[in-house]
Protein backbone atom coordinates (compact mmCIF):
# COMPACT_ATOMS: atom_id res chain seq x y z
CA MET A 1 -8.01 46.48 16.59
CA THR A 2 -10.94 44.07 16.63
CA PRO A 3 -10.47 40.46 17.73
CA ARG A 4 -10.26 37.94 14.93
CA ARG A 5 -13.32 35.69 14.75
CA ARG A 6 -12.48 31.98 14.65
CA GLU A 7 -14.32 29.66 12.33
CA PRO A 8 -16.22 26.86 14.07
CA GLY A 9 -14.28 23.59 14.01
CA PRO A 10 -15.43 20.08 13.15
CA LEU A 11 -17.07 19.46 16.54
CA ALA A 12 -19.08 22.68 16.24
CA ARG A 13 -20.30 21.82 12.75
CA THR A 14 -21.10 18.21 13.68
CA LEU A 15 -23.08 19.22 16.78
CA ALA A 16 -25.09 21.82 14.86
CA ARG A 17 -25.77 19.33 12.04
CA LEU A 18 -26.91 16.58 14.41
CA ARG A 19 -29.10 18.99 16.38
CA ALA A 20 -30.75 20.24 13.19
CA ARG A 21 -31.22 16.66 11.94
CA ALA A 22 -33.02 15.84 15.21
CA TRP A 23 -35.22 18.95 14.83
CA LEU A 24 -34.15 20.21 18.27
CA SER A 25 -33.71 23.78 19.40
CA ARG A 26 -30.77 24.51 21.66
CA GLU A 27 -33.24 24.82 24.51
CA ARG A 28 -34.76 21.38 23.90
CA LEU A 29 -31.32 19.81 23.49
CA ALA A 30 -30.32 21.40 26.79
CA GLU A 31 -33.39 19.90 28.49
CA PHE A 32 -32.76 16.42 27.10
CA SER A 33 -28.98 16.40 27.61
CA GLY A 34 -28.54 18.19 30.92
CA VAL A 35 -26.10 20.58 29.21
CA SER A 36 -26.77 24.32 29.47
CA VAL A 37 -28.00 26.32 26.50
CA ASP A 38 -24.97 28.61 26.88
CA LEU A 39 -22.57 25.67 26.68
CA ILE A 40 -24.32 24.26 23.60
CA ALA A 41 -24.12 27.70 21.94
CA SER A 42 -20.43 28.01 22.85
CA LEU A 43 -19.70 24.60 21.33
CA GLU A 44 -21.65 25.29 18.14
CA GLN A 45 -20.03 28.70 17.69
CA GLY A 46 -16.54 27.33 18.21
CA ARG A 47 -15.85 29.34 21.37
CA LEU A 48 -15.27 26.08 23.25
CA ALA A 49 -13.67 23.13 21.48
CA ASN A 50 -12.83 20.72 24.30
CA PRO A 51 -15.95 19.71 26.25
CA THR A 52 -15.82 17.23 29.12
CA LEU A 53 -16.70 13.59 28.64
CA ASN A 54 -19.88 14.10 30.68
CA THR A 55 -20.94 16.88 28.30
CA LEU A 56 -20.27 14.69 25.26
CA LEU A 57 -22.16 11.77 26.82
CA GLY A 58 -25.16 13.97 27.58
CA LEU A 59 -25.26 15.48 24.11
CA ALA A 60 -24.76 12.15 22.35
CA GLY A 61 -27.49 10.51 24.42
CA ALA A 62 -29.96 13.30 23.71
CA LEU A 63 -29.14 13.20 19.99
CA GLY A 64 -29.32 9.41 19.80
CA VAL A 65 -25.76 8.99 18.53
CA GLU A 66 -22.50 7.56 19.84
CA VAL A 67 -19.94 9.96 21.30
CA ALA A 68 -17.63 8.89 18.47
CA GLU A 69 -20.02 10.43 15.95
CA LEU A 70 -19.78 13.78 17.74
CA ILE A 71 -15.98 13.78 17.79
CA GLN A 72 -15.26 11.96 14.54
CA GLY A 73 -14.55 15.18 12.66
CA VAL A 74 -12.21 16.33 15.42
CA ARG A 75 -10.31 13.04 15.28
CA LYS A 76 -9.97 13.22 11.48
CA HIS A 77 -8.76 16.79 11.70
CA ARG A 78 -6.10 15.94 14.27
CA GLU A 79 -4.89 12.93 12.29
CA GLY A 80 -4.45 15.17 9.26
CA ASP A 81 -2.34 17.62 11.26
CA ALA A 82 0.25 14.99 12.22
């Protein structure tokens, strides 16, 4: 039996969208944010959905957005689950 592949969540999609909008590769985003390429890939692919605040701050700073913009989709999703 093969493991079921999870769809990327709102944070994954938002991060990928913002990175593409900034015309940054994962490698360049890693350089600017201080977050490893592997961690960025894990977030974008939905393998990790709960990054630390320091990770979010680094990514948001490198992308020129507020942390709230990165997690907005996650917040909306959780509100809808209640």
